[in-house]
């Protein structure tokens, strides 16, 4: 992943944490609050997964031109 994308995702996670601390994910009902919090957690987890990708994770298995695959 590019450094710019990594920095962007890190800023997104930091912004979500700030919003969380300020109560932005609170709703009038407990269920609504749970849903908003679950969405925020999922977003943070996905950002962390993308930040942690390696070159091989992104490419996956590739053929070597002779029908053989590598991991």
C-alpha atoms as a PDB file:
ATOM      1  CA  UNK A   1       0.000   0.000   0.000  1.00  0.00           C
ATOM      2  CA  UNK A   2       1.167   3.470  -0.632  1.00  0.00           C
ATOM      3  CA  UNK A   3       2.294   5.632   2.237  1.00  0.00           C
ATOM      4  CA  UNK A   4      -0.341   8.222   1.319  1.00  0.00           C
ATOM      5  CA  UNK A   5      -3.156   5.669   1.621  1.00  0.00           C
ATOM      6  CA  UNK A   6      -1.780   4.425   4.931  1.00  0.00           C
ATOM      7  CA  UNK A   7      -1.637   7.960   6.330  1.00  0.00           C
ATOM      8  CA  UNK A   8      -5.168   8.670   5.071  1.00  0.00           C
ATOM      9  CA  UNK A   9      -6.554   5.556   6.756  1.00  0.00           C
ATOM     10  CA  UNK A  10      -4.708   6.340   9.985  1.00  0.00           C
ATOM     11  CA  UNK A  11      -6.292   9.824   9.966  1.00  0.00           C
ATOM     12  CA  UNK A  12      -9.722   8.274   9.358  1.00  0.00           C
ATOM     13  CA  UNK A  13      -9.296   5.999  12.381  1.00  0.00           C
ATOM     14  CA  UNK A  14      -8.127   8.936  14.522  1.00  0.00           C
ATOM     15  CA  UNK A  15     -11.141  11.000  13.408  1.00  0.00           C
ATOM     16  CA  UNK A  16     -13.519   8.151  14.242  1.00  0.00           C
ATOM     17  CA  UNK A  17     -11.975   7.892  17.713  1.00  0.00           C
ATOM     18  CA  UNK A  18     -12.447  11.627  18.247  1.00  0.00           C
ATOM     19  CA  UNK A  19     -16.067  11.429  17.088  1.00  0.00           C
ATOM     20  CA  UNK A  20     -16.611   8.467  19.377  1.00  0.00           C
ATOM     21  CA  UNK A  21     -15.184  10.352  22.352  1.00  0.00           C
ATOM     22  CA  UNK A  22     -17.514  13.274  21.640  1.00  0.00           C
ATOM     23  CA  UNK A  23     -20.587  11.010  21.574  1.00  0.00           C
ATOM     24  CA  UNK A  24     -21.243  11.154  17.840  1.00  0.00           C
ATOM     25  CA  UNK A  25     -22.315   7.518  17.774  1.00  0.00           C
ATOM     26  CA  UNK A  26     -25.051   7.868  20.386  1.00  0.00           C
ATOM     27  CA  UNK A  27     -28.672   7.441  19.347  1.00  0.00           C
ATOM     28  CA  UNK A  28     -32.013   7.909  21.090  1.00  0.00           C
ATOM     29  CA  UNK A  29     -32.340   4.163  21.583  1.00  0.00           C
ATOM     30  CA  UNK A  30     -29.891   1.569  22.863  1.00  0.00           C
ATOM     31  CA  UNK A  31     -30.349  -0.405  19.654  1.00  0.00           C
ATOM     32  CA  UNK A  32     -29.552   2.638  17.511  1.00  0.00           C
ATOM     33  CA  UNK A  33     -26.464   3.359  19.597  1.00  0.00           C
ATOM     34  CA  UNK A  34     -25.330  -0.259  19.264  1.00  0.00           C
ATOM     35  CA  UNK A  35     -25.734  -0.128  15.478  1.00  0.00           C
ATOM     36  CA  UNK A  36     -23.823   3.155  15.149  1.00  0.00           C
ATOM     37  CA  UNK A  37     -21.042   1.832  17.370  1.00  0.00           C
ATOM     38  CA  UNK A  38     -20.861  -1.450  15.448  1.00  0.00           C
ATOM     39  CA  UNK A  39     -20.508   0.446  12.159  1.00  0.00           C
ATOM     40  CA  UNK A  40     -17.704   2.583  13.590  1.00  0.00           C
ATOM     41  CA  UNK A  41     -15.910  -0.473  14.967  1.00  0.00           C
ATOM     42  CA  UNK A  42     -16.213  -2.212  11.601  1.00  0.00           C
ATOM     43  CA  UNK A  43     -14.809   0.819   9.821  1.00  0.00           C
ATOM     44  CA  UNK A  44     -11.821   0.983  12.179  1.00  0.00           C
ATOM     45  CA  UNK A  45     -11.194  -2.741  11.803  1.00  0.00           C
ATOM     46  CA  UNK A  46     -11.292  -2.523   8.007  1.00  0.00           C
ATOM     47  CA  UNK A  47      -8.914   0.445   8.004  1.00  0.00           C
ATOM     48  CA  UNK A  48      -6.520  -1.524  10.214  1.00  0.00           C
ATOM     49  CA  UNK A  49      -6.732  -4.540   7.883  1.00  0.00           C
ATOM     50  CA  UNK A  50      -5.923  -2.436   4.823  1.00  0.00           C
ATOM     51  CA  UNK A  51      -3.080  -0.683   6.657  1.00  0.00           C
ATOM     52  CA  UNK A  52      -1.641  -4.121   7.459  1.00  0.00           C
ATOM     53  CA  UNK A  53      -1.787  -5.461   3.871  1.00  0.00           C
ATOM     54  CA  UNK A  54       1.477  -6.623   2.377  1.00  0.00           C
ATOM     55  CA  UNK A  55       2.358  -6.692  -1.317  1.00  0.00           C
ATOM     56  CA  UNK A  56       1.729 -10.452  -1.424  1.00  0.00           C
ATOM     57  CA  UNK A  57      -1.638 -10.092   0.335  1.00  0.00           C
ATOM     58  CA  UNK A  58      -2.822  -7.783  -2.416  1.00  0.00           C
ATOM     59  CA  UNK A  59      -1.524  -9.916  -5.306  1.00  0.00           C
ATOM     60  CA  UNK A  60      -2.531 -13.306  -3.927  1.00  0.00           C
ATOM     61  CA  UNK A  61      -1.611 -16.331  -6.015  1.00  0.00           C
ATOM     62  CA  UNK A  62       0.009 -15.559  -9.368  1.00  0.00           C
ATOM     63  CA  UNK A  63       0.719 -17.851 -12.291  1.00  0.00           C
ATOM     64  CA  UNK A  64       4.336 -18.106 -13.377  1.00  0.00           C
ATOM     65  CA  UNK A  65       3.457 -18.242 -17.096  1.00  0.00           C
ATOM     66  CA  UNK A  66       3.685 -22.049 -17.188  1.00  0.00           C
ATOM     67  CA  UNK A  67       0.419 -22.774 -15.404  1.00  0.00           C
ATOM     68  CA  UNK A  68       2.050 -23.013 -11.975  1.00  0.00           C
ATOM     69  CA  UNK A  69       0.867 -20.815  -9.164  1.00  0.00           C
ATOM     70  CA  UNK A  70       2.813 -19.319  -6.321  1.00  0.00           C
ATOM     71  CA  UNK A  71       1.566 -17.969  -3.028  1.00  0.00           C
END
